[in-house]
Structure formats: structure tokens, C-alpha cells
Amino acid sequence: MMGLINDECVAYRTVHWHLKKKFSPAYKVLHVSDIMPSASDYEVWDYAKRNDLVVVTQDKKFPDEDNVVRLNKKNLKQVERKLVALLIEC
């Protein structure tokens, strides 16, 4: 994967304060509100798949796919490790 796209369920500040600090500039770190604010979950997932991105979400209804990582406060370090593994894999 070449970067991350964060679903609207992920706080904008999480993206800019934490994920961008951790993964930029080596990888793209985007928030869905910056590029496709009214997109459905499927549209976000499809965009991510076509652009080689990992979807970061808190939405439990989001499709379970290889390029989707669920984020919550309890597993932030675990999510970081999974994201690093996915990004390095490519």
C-alpha cells in the first residue's frame, strides 16, 4: 500500500496530529473530507483500492477487506503496527 485514507469516522485531528506525524512524508495520509466529503463507504473503499491506499476507519459497518483497518483508542499501537506492516508489504 502506498498510503492511508481515513474515513469520516476517524477524527480529523487524529489524522493530522498522529497519523501524519507517524507516516508522512513517506506515505500519503488523506482524510476523506478533503477529497470526497459525501462519499459512501463503498466509494471510499473503491477509491482506496484503485489508488493503493489502506482505509482507516472506526465504522463497524465498513466492509471487511485486506485494505481496511479498524481504529479505536484501545488498539492504537496495534493499528500502527498493522499499518506499518501493510505499507512496508508493497
Protein backbone atom coordinates (compact mmCIF):
# COMPACT_ATOMS: atom_id res chain seq x y z
CA MET A 1 0.00 0.00 0.00
CA MET A 2 1.17 3.49 -0.78
CA GLY A 3 -0.77 5.43 1.83
CA LEU A 4 -3.77 5.85 4.10
CA ILE A 5 -7.21 7.28 3.60
CA ASN A 6 -9.11 7.97 6.78
CA ASP A 7 -12.86 7.56 6.81
CA GLU A 8 -15.08 10.34 8.16
CA CYS A 9 -15.49 8.32 11.39
CA VAL A 10 -11.84 8.99 12.20
CA ALA A 11 -11.40 12.39 13.82
CA TYR A 12 -9.67 14.89 11.55
CA ARG A 13 -7.27 15.78 14.36
CA THR A 14 -6.24 12.10 14.69
CA VAL A 15 -5.18 12.16 11.06
CA HIS A 16 -3.28 15.42 11.21
CA TRP A 17 -1.76 15.16 14.68
CA HIS A 18 -1.00 11.48 14.95
CA LEU A 19 -1.09 9.56 11.68
CA LYS A 20 0.53 12.25 9.52
CA LYS A 21 3.29 12.67 12.10
CA LYS A 22 3.88 8.91 12.10
CA PHE A 23 3.65 8.14 8.36
CA SER A 24 4.25 11.33 6.32
CA PRO A 25 6.04 12.20 4.11
CA ALA A 26 6.95 8.60 3.22
CA TYR A 27 3.29 7.72 2.61
CA LYS A 28 0.19 9.66 1.63
CA VAL A 29 -2.10 10.33 4.59
CA LEU A 30 -5.51 11.63 3.49
CA HIS A 31 -8.80 12.33 5.19
CA VAL A 32 -11.92 11.56 3.16
CA SER A 33 -13.37 15.01 3.93
CA ASP A 34 -10.50 16.59 1.98
CA ILE A 35 -11.08 14.68 -1.23
CA MET A 36 -14.60 13.21 -1.31
CA PRO A 37 -16.68 14.58 1.58
CA SER A 38 -20.05 12.97 0.78
CA ALA A 39 -18.77 9.57 -0.34
CA SER A 40 -20.38 6.33 0.77
CA ASP A 41 -18.35 3.62 2.47
CA TYR A 42 -18.23 1.70 -0.80
CA GLU A 43 -16.97 4.76 -2.71
CA VAL A 44 -14.22 5.32 -0.12
CA TRP A 45 -13.23 1.64 -0.26
CA ASP A 46 -13.27 1.64 -4.07
CA TYR A 47 -11.17 4.83 -4.22
CA ALA A 48 -8.70 3.29 -1.78
CA LYS A 49 -8.45 0.07 -3.78
CA ARG A 50 -7.90 1.93 -7.08
CA ASN A 51 -5.27 4.21 -5.51
CA ASP A 52 -3.42 1.58 -3.45
CA LEU A 53 -4.48 3.01 -0.08
CA VAL A 54 -5.36 1.49 3.29
CA VAL A 55 -8.71 2.64 4.71
CA VAL A 56 -8.55 3.61 8.38
CA THR A 57 -11.99 3.67 9.97
CA GLN A 58 -13.92 3.33 13.20
CA ASP A 59 -17.06 2.32 11.32
CA LYS A 60 -18.08 -1.24 12.21
CA LYS A 61 -20.29 -1.40 9.10
CA PHE A 62 -17.36 -0.81 6.76
CA PRO A 63 -16.54 -3.81 4.53
CA ASP A 64 -14.05 -6.32 5.93
CA GLU A 65 -11.28 -6.26 3.36
CA ASP A 66 -7.49 -6.58 3.36
CA ASN A 67 -7.10 -2.84 2.87
CA VAL A 68 -9.37 -1.84 5.79
CA VAL A 69 -8.06 -1.28 9.33
CA ARG A 70 -10.38 -0.51 12.24
CA LEU A 71 -9.13 2.10 14.67
CA ASN A 72 -10.11 2.65 18.26
CA LYS A 73 -8.41 4.22 21.24
CA LYS A 74 -7.77 0.86 22.87
CA ASN A 75 -5.79 -0.57 19.97
CA LEU A 76 -3.94 2.45 18.57
CA LYS A 77 -0.48 0.86 18.93
CA GLN A 78 -1.73 -2.40 17.41
CA VAL A 79 -3.24 -0.48 14.50
CA GLU A 80 0.03 1.40 13.97
CA ARG A 81 1.90 -1.91 13.75
CA LYS A 82 -0.62 -3.29 11.26
CA LEU A 83 -0.46 -0.13 9.14
CA VAL A 84 3.34 -0.23 9.10
CA ALA A 85 3.22 -3.89 8.03
CA LEU A 86 0.72 -3.15 5.25
CA LEU A 87 2.69 -0.16 3.99
CA ILE A 88 6.01 -1.99 4.01
CA GLU A 89 4.47 -5.03 2.30
CA CYS A 90 4.18 -3.19 -1.00
